[in-house]
C-alpha atoms as a PDB file:
ATOM      1  CA  MET A   1       0.000   0.000   0.000  1.00  0.00           C
ATOM      2  CA  ARG A   2       2.824   2.385   0.872  1.00  0.00           C
ATOM      3  CA  ASN A   3       4.568   1.710  -2.468  1.00  0.00           C
ATOM      4  CA  ALA A   4       1.357   2.344  -4.377  1.00  0.00           C
ATOM      5  CA  LEU A   5       0.782   5.626  -2.523  1.00  0.00           C
ATOM      6  CA  ALA A   6       4.320   6.798  -3.287  1.00  0.00           C
ATOM      7  CA  PHE A   7       3.920   5.817  -6.935  1.00  0.00           C
ATOM      8  CA  LEU A   8       0.582   7.623  -7.211  1.00  0.00           C
ATOM      9  CA  SER A   9       1.950  10.760  -5.573  1.00  0.00           C
ATOM     10  CA  VAL A  10       4.911  10.858  -7.983  1.00  0.00           C
ATOM     11  CA  PHE A  11       2.529  10.238 -10.882  1.00  0.00           C
ATOM     12  CA  ALA A  12       0.189  13.027  -9.696  1.00  0.00           C
ATOM     13  CA  LEU A  13       3.103  15.423  -9.299  1.00  0.00           C
ATOM     14  CA  ALA A  14       4.375  14.615 -12.799  1.00  0.00           C
ATOM     15  CA  ALA A  15       0.870  15.103 -14.209  1.00  0.00           C
ATOM     16  CA  LEU A  16       0.599  18.440 -12.434  1.00  0.00           C
ATOM     17  CA  PHE A  17       3.821  19.746 -13.951  1.00  0.00           C
ATOM     18  CA  THR A  18       3.198  18.438 -17.472  1.00  0.00           C
ATOM     19  CA  SER A  19      -0.490  19.020 -18.036  1.00  0.00           C
ATOM     20  CA  GLY A  20      -1.570  21.935 -20.163  1.00  0.00           C
ATOM     21  CA  CYS A  21       0.117  24.751 -18.276  1.00  0.00           C
ATOM     22  CA  ALA A  22       1.902  26.958 -20.774  1.00  0.00           C
ATOM     23  CA  GLY A  23       3.264  29.265 -18.080  1.00  0.00           C
ATOM     24  CA  PRO A  24       5.919  26.946 -16.611  1.00  0.00           C
ATOM     25  CA  GLU A  25       7.188  25.761 -19.973  1.00  0.00           C
ATOM     26  CA  VAL A  26       7.461  29.325 -21.294  1.00  0.00           C
ATOM     27  CA  LYS A  27       9.290  30.391 -18.127  1.00  0.00           C
ATOM     28  CA  LEU A  28      11.670  27.413 -18.361  1.00  0.00           C
ATOM     29  CA  GLY A  29      12.388  28.085 -22.042  1.00  0.00           C
ATOM     30  CA  ARG A  30      12.994  31.771 -21.368  1.00  0.00           C
ATOM     31  CA  GLY A  31      15.279  30.831 -18.464  1.00  0.00           C
ATOM     32  CA  MET A  32      17.306  28.407 -20.601  1.00  0.00           C
ATOM     33  CA  SER A  33      17.652  31.050 -23.317  1.00  0.00           C
ATOM     34  CA  ASN A  34      18.770  33.651 -20.798  1.00  0.00           C
ATOM     35  CA  PHE A  35      21.168  31.197 -19.133  1.00  0.00           C
ATOM     36  CA  ALA A  36      22.897  30.628 -22.495  1.00  0.00           C
ATOM     37  CA  GLU A  37      23.633  34.366 -22.795  1.00  0.00           C
ATOM     38  CA  VAL A  38      27.228  33.854 -21.639  1.00  0.00           C
ATOM     39  CA  ALA A  39      27.949  31.660 -24.657  1.00  0.00           C
ATOM     40  CA  ARG A  40      25.799  33.697 -27.068  1.00  0.00           C
ATOM     41  CA  GLY A  41      27.145  37.129 -26.150  1.00  0.00           C
ATOM     42  CA  GLY A  42      24.271  39.105 -27.664  1.00  0.00           C
ATOM     43  CA  GLU A  43      24.060  41.680 -24.865  1.00  0.00           C
ATOM     44  CA  TRP A  44      27.811  42.151 -25.078  1.00  0.00           C
ATOM     45  CA  ARG A  45      27.852  42.781 -28.837  1.00  0.00           C
ATOM     46  CA  ARG A  46      24.781  45.013 -28.710  1.00  0.00           C
ATOM     47  CA  SER A  47      26.186  47.137 -25.863  1.00  0.00           C
ATOM     48  CA  VAL A  48      29.485  47.675 -27.682  1.00  0.00           C
ATOM     49  CA  GLU A  49      27.665  48.546 -30.908  1.00  0.00           C
ATOM     50  CA  GLN A  50      25.100  50.881 -29.320  1.00  0.00           C
ATOM     51  CA  THR A  51      27.702  52.687 -27.208  1.00  0.00           C
ATOM     52  CA  ALA A  52      29.991  53.161 -30.210  1.00  0.00           C
ATOM     53  CA  VAL A  53      27.149  54.532 -32.337  1.00  0.00           C
ATOM     54  CA  PHE A  54      25.491  56.812 -29.787  1.00  0.00           C
ATOM     55  CA  ASP A  55      28.465  57.910 -27.646  1.00  0.00           C
ATOM     56  CA  SER A  56      31.783  57.483 -29.438  1.00  0.00           C
ATOM     57  CA  PRO A  57      33.819  54.642 -30.929  1.00  0.00           C
ATOM     58  CA  GLU A  58      36.385  54.878 -28.122  1.00  0.00           C
ATOM     59  CA  ALA A  59      33.660  54.552 -25.488  1.00  0.00           C
ATOM     60  CA  GLY A  60      32.177  51.615 -27.382  1.00  0.00           C
ATOM     61  CA  TYR A  61      35.234  49.472 -26.877  1.00  0.00           C
ATOM     62  CA  ALA A  62      35.763  50.437 -23.243  1.00  0.00           C
ATOM     63  CA  TYR A  63      32.508  51.440 -21.590  1.00  0.00           C
ATOM     64  CA  GLY A  64      30.401  49.325 -23.970  1.00  0.00           C
ATOM     65  CA  PHE A  65      32.515  46.269 -23.215  1.00  0.00           C
ATOM     66  CA  VAL A  66      32.061  46.640 -19.457  1.00  0.00           C
ATOM     67  CA  ARG A  67      28.357  47.480 -19.791  1.00  0.00           C
ATOM     68  CA  GLY A  68      27.844  44.453 -22.056  1.00  0.00           C
ATOM     69  CA  PHE A  69      29.593  42.183 -19.576  1.00  0.00           C
ATOM     70  CA  ASP A  70      27.371  43.485 -16.766  1.00  0.00           C
ATOM     71  CA  ARG A  71      24.217  42.983 -18.808  1.00  0.00           C
ATOM     72  CA  SER A  72      25.307  39.489 -19.863  1.00  0.00           C
ATOM     73  CA  MET A  73      25.906  38.492 -16.248  1.00  0.00           C
ATOM     74  CA  ALA A  74      22.527  39.980 -15.238  1.00  0.00           C
ATOM     75  CA  ARG A  75      20.757  38.021 -17.998  1.00  0.00           C
ATOM     76  CA  THR A  76      22.591  34.818 -17.018  1.00  0.00           C
ATOM     77  CA  GLY A  77      21.609  35.295 -13.366  1.00  0.00           C
ATOM     78  CA  LEU A  78      18.021  35.925 -14.411  1.00  0.00           C
ATOM     79  CA  GLY A  79      18.136  32.717 -16.455  1.00  0.00           C
ATOM     80  CA  ILE A  80      19.328  30.724 -13.463  1.00  0.00           C
ATOM     81  CA  TYR A  81      16.545  32.219 -11.346  1.00  0.00           C
ATOM     82  CA  GLU A  82      13.895  31.373 -13.961  1.00  0.00           C
ATOM     83  CA  ILE A  83      15.175  27.804 -14.377  1.00  0.00           C
ATOM     84  CA  VAL A  84      15.121  27.163 -10.628  1.00  0.00           C
ATOM     85  CA  THR A  85      11.688  28.745 -10.079  1.00  0.00           C
ATOM     86  CA  PHE A  86       9.912  27.681 -13.292  1.00  0.00           C
ATOM     87  CA  PRO A  87       7.195  25.589 -11.561  1.00  0.00           C
ATOM     88  CA  PHE A  88       6.121  28.526  -9.391  1.00  0.00           C
ATOM     89  CA  PRO A  89       4.320  31.750 -10.388  1.00  0.00           C
ATOM     90  CA  PRO A  90       4.761  34.480 -11.612  1.00  0.00           C
ATOM     91  CA  TYR A  91       5.198  33.210 -15.165  1.00  0.00           C
ATOM     92  CA  HIS A  92       5.491  36.590 -16.885  1.00  0.00           C
ATOM     93  CA  PRO A  93       8.938  38.093 -17.578  1.00  0.00           C
ATOM     94  CA  ILE A  94      10.459  39.929 -14.633  1.00  0.00           C
ATOM     95  CA  PHE A  95      13.206  42.565 -14.425  1.00  0.00           C
ATOM     96  CA  THR A  96      12.060  44.037 -17.764  1.00  0.00           C
ATOM     97  CA  LYS A  97      13.031  47.626 -16.979  1.00  0.00           C
ATOM     98  CA  TYR A  98      16.693  46.637 -17.250  1.00  0.00           C
ATOM     99  CA  LEU A  99      16.612  43.680 -19.680  1.00  0.00           C
ATOM    100  CA  ALA A 100      14.345  42.897 -22.627  1.00  0.00           C
ATOM    101  CA  PRO A 101      12.248  39.743 -22.130  1.00  0.00           C
ATOM    102  CA  GLN A 102      13.721  38.098 -25.229  1.00  0.00           C
ATOM    103  CA  PRO A 103      17.445  37.845 -26.055  1.00  0.00           C
ATOM    104  CA  VAL A 104      18.769  40.848 -27.967  1.00  0.00           C
ATOM    105  CA  PHE A 105      21.027  41.054 -30.995  1.00  0.00           C
ATOM    106  CA  PRO A 106      23.050  43.922 -32.444  1.00  0.00           C
ATOM    107  CA  ASP A 107      21.131  46.003 -34.974  1.00  0.00           C
ATOM    108  CA  ASN A 108      23.581  45.039 -37.722  1.00  0.00           C
ATOM    109  CA  TYR A 109      22.810  41.312 -37.295  1.00  0.00           C
ATOM    110  CA  THR A 110      19.445  39.609 -37.127  1.00  0.00           C
ATOM    111  CA  PRO A 111      19.660  35.817 -37.093  1.00  0.00           C
ATOM    112  CA  GLY A 112      17.479  33.580 -39.189  1.00  0.00           C
ATOM    113  CA  LEU A 113      16.812  29.878 -39.173  1.00  0.00           C
ATOM    114  CA  TRP A 114      19.737  27.525 -39.596  1.00  0.00           C
ATOM    115  CA  SER A 115      20.067  25.821 -42.938  1.00  0.00           C
ATOM    116  CA  ASP A 116      19.312  22.429 -41.534  1.00  0.00           C
ATOM    117  CA  SER A 117      17.117  19.487 -42.470  1.00  0.00           C
ATOM    118  CA  MET A 118      15.013  20.258 -39.409  1.00  0.00           C
ATOM    119  CA  PHE A 119      13.934  23.641 -40.809  1.00  0.00           C
ATOM    120  CA  ASP A 120      14.356  23.292 -44.584  1.00  0.00           C
ATOM    121  CA  THR A 121      11.615  21.966 -46.779  1.00  0.00           C
ATOM    122  CA  ASP A 122      11.758  18.565 -48.399  1.00  0.00           C
ATOM    123  CA  THR A 123      12.986  20.152 -51.627  1.00  0.00           C
ATOM    124  CA  TYR A 124      16.554  19.917 -50.378  1.00  0.00           C
ATOM    125  CA  VAL A 125      16.344  16.149 -49.944  1.00  0.00           C
ATOM    126  CA  GLY A 126      14.410  15.495 -53.147  1.00  0.00           C
ATOM    127  CA  LEU A 127      10.999  14.597 -51.705  1.00  0.00           C
ATOM    128  CA  SER A 128       8.937  17.522 -52.936  1.00  0.00           C
ATOM    129  CA  GLY A 129       7.648  15.943 -56.109  1.00  0.00           C
ATOM    130  CA  GLY A 130       8.075  16.962 -59.700  1.00  0.00           C
ATOM    131  CA  ASP A 131       9.027  15.013 -62.801  1.00  0.00           C
ATOM    132  CA  VAL A 132      10.249  11.493 -62.234  1.00  0.00           C
ATOM    133  CA  ALA A 133      12.347  11.442 -65.383  1.00  0.00           C
ATOM    134  CA  PRO A 134      12.791  15.035 -66.574  1.00  0.00           C
ATOM    135  CA  PHE A 135      15.649  13.987 -68.848  1.00  0.00           C
ATOM    136  CA  VAL A 136      13.256  11.836 -70.970  1.00  0.00           C
ATOM    137  CA  PRO A 137      11.569  13.916 -73.682  1.00  0.00           C
ATOM    138  CA  GLY A 138       7.776  13.967 -73.271  1.00  0.00           C
ATOM    139  CA  SER A 139       7.809  12.580 -69.739  1.00  0.00           C
ATOM    140  CA  ARG A 140       4.678  13.751 -67.955  1.00  0.00           C
ATOM    141  CA  PHE A 141       4.725  11.428 -64.986  1.00  0.00           C
ATOM    142  CA  ARG A 142       4.771  13.576 -61.850  1.00  0.00           C
ATOM    143  CA  VAL A 143       4.956  12.603 -58.180  1.00  0.00           C
ATOM    144  CA  PHE A 144       2.726  14.327 -55.589  1.00  0.00           C
ATOM    145  CA  ASP A 145       0.747  16.341 -58.148  1.00  0.00           C
ATOM    146  CA  ASN A 146      -2.827  17.184 -57.219  1.00  0.00           C
END
């Protein structure tokens, strides 16, 4: 009986954390993204760029570097906090007066999707249809045509 009660309590706890609550998963994802800021360096690059553009190039490499480091460490700390506390409310972004809710990038670089089979269409692997034998004159046999 005691084993069954322990099993049911673990099962109920797992169901509670995995059932239909978008708040915890969004908070965990945001926390993981913020935690990876040290490796990504987006705040660092953006601070150097923005300081060089709006203040002076000399200040960009000195003051912007230090400011970017501070902001990167703040975002990393925020990521750790969100990862540890993801099951508990509040689920909305916090500390938004100092840091943007989403990771930032320099204005001269906006990333896109990787060129990878996960994101590319089936055209790149030859499964999108089309002529079966386009080299044969008069071939009209097509795959996946509607």
